[in-house]
Protein backbone atom coordinates (compact mmCIF):
# COMPACT_ATOMS: atom_id res chain seq x y z
CA MET A 1 5.69 -19.64 -3.22
CA GLN A 2 4.11 -16.98 -1.02
CA LYS A 3 2.87 -16.62 2.54
CA ALA A 4 -0.90 -16.56 2.99
CA TRP A 5 -3.56 -17.05 5.63
CA PHE A 6 -6.07 -19.76 4.71
CA TYR A 7 -8.58 -22.21 6.12
CA GLU A 8 -9.18 -25.81 5.09
CA GLU A 9 -12.44 -26.16 7.00
CA PHE A 10 -15.23 -23.76 7.90
CA GLY A 11 -15.52 -22.51 11.46
CA PRO A 12 -14.24 -19.94 14.01
CA LYS A 13 -11.15 -17.79 13.55
CA GLU A 14 -8.98 -20.56 14.99
CA VAL A 15 -9.31 -22.57 11.75
CA LEU A 16 -7.06 -19.99 10.07
CA LYS A 17 -3.51 -21.10 9.31
CA LEU A 18 -0.45 -19.27 7.99
CA GLY A 19 1.36 -21.24 5.31
CA ASP A 20 2.78 -21.35 1.81
CA LEU A 21 0.75 -21.23 -1.40
CA PRO A 22 1.83 -20.84 -5.04
CA ILE A 23 2.04 -17.34 -6.50
CA PRO A 24 -0.62 -17.28 -9.27
CA SER A 25 -0.15 -16.09 -12.84
CA PRO A 26 -2.48 -13.45 -14.30
CA LYS A 27 -4.96 -14.28 -17.04
CA PRO A 28 -5.31 -11.83 -19.98
CA ASN A 29 -7.70 -9.50 -18.07
CA GLN A 30 -6.03 -9.76 -14.66
CA LEU A 31 -3.42 -7.93 -12.62
CA LEU A 32 -1.01 -9.63 -10.23
CA VAL A 33 -0.80 -7.31 -7.22
CA GLN A 34 1.67 -7.47 -4.36
CA VAL A 35 -0.50 -6.69 -1.35
CA HIS A 36 0.81 -4.06 1.07
CA ALA A 37 -2.37 -3.74 3.19
CA ALA A 38 -5.70 -5.53 3.52
CA ALA A 39 -8.83 -4.59 5.46
CA LEU A 40 -11.15 -6.98 7.27
CA ASN A 41 -14.92 -6.97 6.82
CA PRO A 42 -17.74 -8.79 8.63
CA ILE A 43 -18.39 -10.74 5.40
CA ASP A 44 -14.93 -12.31 5.75
CA SER A 45 -15.93 -13.83 9.09
CA LYS A 46 -19.36 -14.88 7.81
CA LEU A 47 -17.92 -16.66 4.78
CA ARG A 48 -15.41 -18.50 6.97
CA GLN A 49 -18.18 -19.69 9.28
CA ASN A 50 -20.81 -20.47 6.65
CA PRO A 51 -20.04 -20.29 2.91
CA LEU A 52 -22.67 -18.31 0.99
CA ALA A 53 -21.52 -19.64 -2.39
CA PRO A 54 -19.72 -22.77 -3.60
CA ILE A 55 -15.96 -22.45 -3.18
CA ASP A 56 -13.06 -24.89 -3.13
CA LEU A 57 -10.84 -25.30 -0.09
CA PRO A 58 -8.39 -24.05 1.04
CA VAL A 59 -9.71 -20.47 1.06
CA VAL A 60 -7.66 -17.32 1.60
CA PRO A 61 -10.07 -14.76 3.12
CA GLY A 62 -10.22 -11.08 2.33
CA CYS A 63 -11.87 -8.63 -0.08
CA ASP A 64 -10.21 -5.23 0.41
CA MET A 65 -6.59 -4.50 -0.48
CA ALA A 66 -4.07 -1.91 -1.59
CA GLY A 67 -0.79 -2.79 -3.23
CA VAL A 68 1.50 -2.55 -6.24
CA VAL A 69 1.02 -4.10 -9.69
CA VAL A 70 3.88 -6.56 -10.31
CA ALA A 71 2.60 -8.27 -13.48
CA LYS A 72 -0.36 -8.00 -15.82
CA GLY A 73 -2.24 -9.93 -18.46
CA GLU A 74 -1.87 -9.14 -22.14
CA ASP A 75 -5.28 -7.43 -22.41
CA ILE A 76 -4.62 -4.89 -19.62
CA LYS A 77 -4.55 -1.32 -20.96
CA LYS A 78 -5.38 0.86 -17.98
CA PHE A 79 -2.61 -0.09 -15.54
CA LYS A 80 1.13 -0.70 -15.72
CA VAL A 81 3.64 -2.52 -13.55
CA GLY A 82 4.53 -0.33 -10.57
CA ASP A 83 1.11 1.32 -10.23
CA GLU A 84 -0.28 1.59 -6.71
CA VAL A 85 -3.86 0.30 -6.84
CA TYR A 86 -6.67 -0.50 -4.45
CA GLY A 87 -10.01 -2.25 -4.61
CA ASN A 88 -12.38 -4.99 -3.55
CA ILE A 89 -11.33 -8.11 -5.48
CA GLN A 90 -14.49 -10.16 -4.74
CA ASN A 91 -17.46 -9.69 -7.07
CA PHE A 92 -20.30 -10.94 -4.85
CA LYS A 93 -23.12 -10.35 -7.33
CA GLU A 94 -21.79 -12.98 -9.71
CA ASN A 95 -21.40 -15.54 -6.88
CA MET A 96 -17.89 -16.26 -8.18
CA LEU A 97 -15.80 -15.81 -5.06
CA LYS A 98 -12.07 -16.04 -5.49
CA GLN A 99 -10.37 -18.85 -3.61
CA LEU A 100 -7.34 -16.58 -3.20
CA GLY A 101 -8.44 -13.54 -1.19
CA THR A 102 -6.42 -10.56 -0.04
CA LEU A 103 -4.70 -12.03 3.05
CA ALA A 104 -1.90 -13.25 0.81
CA GLU A 105 1.30 -11.62 -0.39
CA PHE A 106 0.16 -11.73 -4.04
CA ILE A 107 -3.38 -11.74 -5.45
CA LEU A 108 -5.10 -11.70 -8.83
CA VAL A 109 -7.75 -9.14 -9.66
CA GLU A 110 -9.62 -8.11 -12.79
CA GLU A 111 -8.78 -4.71 -14.25
CA ASN A 112 -12.32 -3.35 -13.82
CA LEU A 113 -12.39 -3.98 -10.05
CA VAL A 114 -9.50 -1.72 -9.02
CA ALA A 115 -8.46 1.92 -9.26
CA ILE A 116 -5.29 3.96 -8.89
CA LYS A 117 -4.72 4.85 -5.24
CA PRO A 118 -5.49 8.50 -4.42
CA LYS A 119 -2.23 10.43 -4.07
CA ASN A 120 -2.89 11.72 -0.56
CA LEU A 121 -3.78 8.34 0.96
CA SER A 122 -1.37 5.80 2.35
CA LEU A 123 -1.73 2.22 1.21
CA LEU A 124 -3.15 1.42 4.65
CA GLU A 125 -5.82 4.11 4.31
CA ALA A 126 -6.67 3.08 0.75
CA ALA A 127 -7.13 -0.56 1.77
CA SER A 128 -9.78 0.49 4.28
CA LEU A 129 -12.12 1.98 1.70
CA PRO A 130 -13.40 -0.25 -1.13
CA VAL A 131 -16.09 -2.45 0.47
CA ALA A 132 -17.27 0.34 2.78
CA VAL A 133 -17.46 2.93 -0.02
CA GLN A 134 -19.14 0.58 -2.48
CA THR A 135 -21.70 -0.48 0.12
CA ALA A 136 -22.41 3.10 1.19
CA VAL A 137 -22.82 4.38 -2.37
CA GLU A 138 -25.20 1.52 -3.27
CA GLY A 139 -27.40 2.28 -0.26
CA PHE A 140 -28.01 5.87 -1.30
CA LYS A 141 -28.77 4.76 -4.87
CA THR A 142 -31.19 2.09 -3.67
CA ALA A 143 -32.97 4.68 -1.54
CA GLY A 144 -33.18 7.24 -4.34
CA PHE A 145 -31.63 9.74 -1.95
CA GLU A 146 -31.65 13.31 -3.27
CA GLU A 147 -29.56 16.38 -2.65
CA GLY A 148 -30.62 18.38 0.38
CA GLN A 149 -32.57 15.61 2.08
CA SER A 150 -31.97 14.49 5.67
CA ALA A 151 -30.40 11.18 6.70
CA PHE A 152 -30.30 9.15 9.90
CA ILE A 153 -27.32 6.75 9.92
CA VAL A 154 -27.51 3.82 12.33
CA GLY A 155 -24.03 2.65 13.34
CA GLY A 156 -22.06 5.80 12.62
CA ALA A 157 -18.73 4.55 13.98
CA GLY A 158 -18.53 1.36 11.88
CA GLY A 159 -16.78 0.76 8.60
CA VAL A 160 -19.79 1.58 6.41
CA GLY A 161 -21.30 4.10 8.81
CA THR A 162 -18.23 6.36 8.91
CA VAL A 163 -18.29 6.55 5.11
CA ALA A 164 -22.08 6.78 4.73
CA PHE A 165 -22.61 9.98 6.69
CA GLN A 166 -19.60 11.60 5.02
CA ILE A 167 -21.11 10.79 1.61
CA ALA A 168 -24.51 12.12 2.70
CA LYS A 169 -22.93 15.39 3.79
CA LYS A 170 -20.24 15.92 1.16
CA LEU A 171 -21.71 14.37 -1.99
CA TYR A 172 -25.43 14.95 -1.45
CA ASN A 173 -25.21 18.16 0.60
CA ALA A 174 -27.70 16.65 3.02
CA SER A 175 -29.63 19.21 5.05
CA LEU A 176 -29.13 17.21 8.24
CA VAL A 177 -27.05 14.11 8.97
CA VAL A 178 -27.55 12.33 12.28
CA ALA A 179 -25.61 9.22 13.33
CA THR A 180 -25.93 6.81 16.22
CA THR A 181 -23.10 5.37 18.29
CA SER A 182 -22.18 4.43 21.85
CA THR A 183 -21.05 6.86 24.55
CA GLY A 184 -17.32 6.40 24.06
CA LYS A 185 -17.50 7.11 20.32
CA VAL A 186 -19.73 10.22 20.31
CA GLU A 187 -16.87 12.71 19.95
CA PHE A 188 -15.18 10.50 17.35
CA VAL A 189 -18.30 10.50 15.16
CA LYS A 190 -18.76 14.26 15.63
CA SER A 191 -15.17 14.78 14.48
CA LEU A 192 -16.00 13.14 11.16
CA GLY A 193 -18.70 15.70 10.42
CA ALA A 194 -22.04 14.39 11.67
CA ASP A 195 -24.42 17.26 12.43
CA LYS A 196 -25.81 15.45 15.45
CA VAL A 197 -24.87 12.25 17.23
CA VAL A 198 -27.36 10.09 19.15
CA ASP A 199 -25.95 7.98 21.97
CA TYR A 200 -28.03 4.81 21.62
CA THR A 201 -27.16 3.74 25.17
CA LYS A 202 -29.01 6.79 26.50
CA THR A 203 -31.69 7.53 23.88
CA ARG A 204 -34.23 5.14 22.36
CA TYR A 205 -35.44 5.59 18.78
CA GLU A 206 -38.97 6.26 20.07
CA GLU A 207 -37.66 9.28 21.98
CA ILE A 208 -36.38 10.99 18.83
CA GLU A 209 -39.00 13.50 17.71
CA GLU A 210 -37.56 14.55 14.36
CA LYS A 211 -38.23 12.32 11.34
CA TYR A 212 -35.87 11.81 8.40
CA ASP A 213 -35.96 11.41 4.63
CA LEU A 214 -33.77 8.32 4.89
CA VAL A 215 -32.92 5.82 7.60
CA TYR A 216 -29.70 4.04 6.64
CA ASP A 217 -29.18 1.10 8.99
CA THR A 218 -25.68 -0.40 8.83
CA ILE A 219 -26.03 -2.79 11.78
CA GLY A 220 -29.25 -4.69 11.01
CA ASP A 221 -31.50 -2.95 13.55
CA SER A 222 -34.15 -1.79 11.06
CA ARG A 223 -36.88 -3.60 13.02
CA ASN A 224 -36.47 -0.77 15.56
CA SER A 225 -34.77 2.12 13.77
CA TYR A 226 -37.52 2.51 11.15
CA VAL A 227 -39.56 4.64 13.58
CA VAL A 228 -37.37 7.71 12.89
CA ALA A 229 -38.21 7.62 9.15
CA LYS A 230 -40.79 9.97 7.71
CA GLU A 231 -43.95 8.32 6.48
CA ASP A 232 -43.15 6.40 3.28
CA ALA A 233 -39.46 7.39 3.53
CA PRO A 234 -37.03 4.59 2.57
CA VAL A 235 -35.36 2.47 5.25
CA ILE A 236 -32.12 0.86 4.02
CA ASP A 237 -30.70 -2.22 5.74
CA ILE A 238 -27.35 -3.60 4.55
CA THR A 239 -27.71 -6.88 6.44
CA TRP A 240 -29.46 -9.92 5.01
CA PRO A 241 -32.22 -10.62 5.57
CA PRO A 242 -33.39 -7.22 6.86
CA SER A 243 -34.88 -7.43 10.32
CA ASN A 244 -37.84 -5.30 9.18
CA PRO A 245 -40.03 -6.36 6.22
CA ARG A 246 -40.45 -2.69 5.33
CA ALA A 247 -36.69 -2.19 4.90
CA LEU A 248 -34.98 -2.30 1.52
CA HIS A 249 -31.90 -4.50 1.44
CA SER A 250 -28.89 -2.91 -0.20
CA GLY A 251 -25.76 -4.83 -1.10
CA LEU A 252 -22.90 -3.45 -3.15
CA THR A 253 -21.73 -3.13 -6.73
CA VAL A 254 -18.06 -4.05 -6.94
CA SER A 255 -16.40 -1.67 -9.38
CA GLY A 256 -13.21 0.30 -9.72
CA GLU A 257 -15.25 2.97 -11.48
CA ILE A 258 -16.97 3.86 -8.18
CA LEU A 259 -13.57 4.39 -6.58
CA GLU A 260 -12.42 6.52 -9.54
CA LYS A 261 -15.50 8.76 -9.26
CA LEU A 262 -14.68 9.46 -5.61
CA ARG A 263 -11.03 10.28 -6.29
CA THR A 264 -11.49 14.07 -6.25
CA TYR A 265 -13.42 13.91 -2.97
CA LEU A 266 -10.70 11.77 -1.40
CA GLU A 267 -7.77 13.79 -2.72
CA SER A 268 -9.41 17.05 -1.61
CA GLY A 269 -9.99 15.68 1.88
CA LYS A 270 -13.78 15.95 1.65
CA LEU A 271 -13.98 12.19 2.20
CA ARG A 272 -11.71 10.66 4.82
CA ALA A 273 -10.55 7.09 5.20
CA VAL A 274 -11.15 5.92 8.77
CA VAL A 275 -8.70 3.29 10.05
CA ASP A 276 -9.35 1.89 13.52
CA PRO A 277 -6.68 3.33 15.86
CA THR A 278 -6.09 -0.07 17.48
CA GLY A 279 -4.27 -1.12 14.31
CA PRO A 280 -2.82 -1.55 11.89
CA PHE A 281 -2.39 -5.20 12.79
CA SER A 282 0.69 -7.11 11.73
CA PHE A 283 0.37 -9.79 9.05
CA TYR A 284 1.28 -12.27 11.79
CA ASP A 285 -1.60 -11.05 13.98
CA VAL A 286 -4.46 -11.84 11.58
CA ILE A 287 -6.25 -14.12 14.06
CA LYS A 288 -6.02 -11.36 16.67
CA ALA A 289 -7.37 -8.87 14.11
CA PHE A 290 -10.36 -11.12 13.37
CA GLY A 291 -10.96 -11.47 17.11
CA TYR A 292 -11.17 -7.69 17.39
CA LEU A 293 -13.42 -7.45 14.31
CA GLU A 294 -15.83 -9.94 15.81
CA THR A 295 -16.24 -7.90 19.01
CA GLY A 296 -18.07 -5.26 16.93
CA ARG A 297 -16.21 -2.46 18.74
CA ALA A 298 -14.07 -1.14 15.90
CA ARG A 299 -14.00 2.53 14.89
CA GLY A 300 -13.87 2.58 11.12
CA LYS A 301 -11.99 -0.26 9.42
CA ILE A 302 -9.54 -2.83 10.75
CA VAL A 303 -6.44 -2.94 8.56
CA VAL A 304 -3.65 -5.52 8.30
CA SER A 305 -0.22 -4.21 7.28
CA PHE A 306 2.04 -6.41 5.15
CA CYS A 307 4.84 -3.96 4.52
CA SER A 308 5.90 -0.85 6.42
CA ALA A 309 7.88 1.93 4.72
CA PRO A 310 11.41 0.74 5.70
CA PHE A 311 10.89 -2.42 3.66
CA ARG A 312 9.75 -0.76 0.43
CA ILE A 313 12.33 -0.49 -2.34
CA ASN A 314 11.33 1.60 -5.37
CA GLY A 315 7.69 1.17 -4.40
CA PHE A 316 7.87 -2.61 -4.11
CA CYS A 317 7.80 -4.51 -0.84
CA ASN A 318 10.65 -6.75 0.27
CA THR A 319 8.02 -8.99 1.80
CA LYS A 320 10.46 -11.50 3.23
CA MET A 321 12.31 -8.81 5.19
CA ALA A 322 9.06 -7.17 6.33
CA LEU A 323 7.43 -10.38 7.51
CA ASN A 324 10.57 -11.60 9.25
CA SER A 325 10.83 -8.27 11.10
CA GLU A 326 7.18 -8.42 12.16
CA LYS A 327 7.62 -12.01 13.32
CA LEU A 328 10.60 -11.03 15.47
CA HIS A 329 8.57 -8.25 17.11
């Protein structure tokens, strides 16, 4: 058996329970991964409150994770036991959500959905990336964004926003990258490489004179933010449905290949993982972590830690020792 967070009814964060569930066995194309860290995403809260696809109860929430391969199916060629991997285990486009998400000690994931963790990233940092990176990359593809163009990122301090303007700058060599945020996060967003930062509490979109080749709205405000786009320039909205009929909705393609393609940028430091400094949250503080997520005030991604370094033996986590220690503290 393993420890996992799950819910047996849909509703607010208080429906979450910590209990015991069986450790699953991998199918031929699956890895069994011992989770060391998991990141929370707004979709995790939305699915708990209102399921978007049929799924059996109980449900273990969570999409993002980083951990160690402990067993594998007979068809697995790319990974071996002991590999440190990370990825988004939920393939939304196929509407086949896994009942066992990443807020469990052990999870199953298909080989094509994960990648080897970049050498310079901790497991905590790696866990913060998959959904945000996959969403950000898809948005630029949907927009047909080209090298040297300018981009206006709405929500520059959020999980997707912090990745999106880094990708615009480092992968597309954007001529100008501007991001919006609140007063207390202006310097934080500047530190990540935005050329200019707009404090939305002091400046309205209508007051911005310059127009951009792309408006990339990560918070669902495209009904207002579209005014800073050049005429006929794409407006991307990652929320559904977009608040502006003109906006193009962009979801995400879940693929380990996307993570592999970004490896050199991550290992060179051109792309940075952004973990909210309030965390990481303990595995026993998952309800508290969801409460913080749902305030909308996070900087980057909210990460839950299953296993700190003192409890790792030859790369594997002595989960029982780690969780007991966290419970005591």
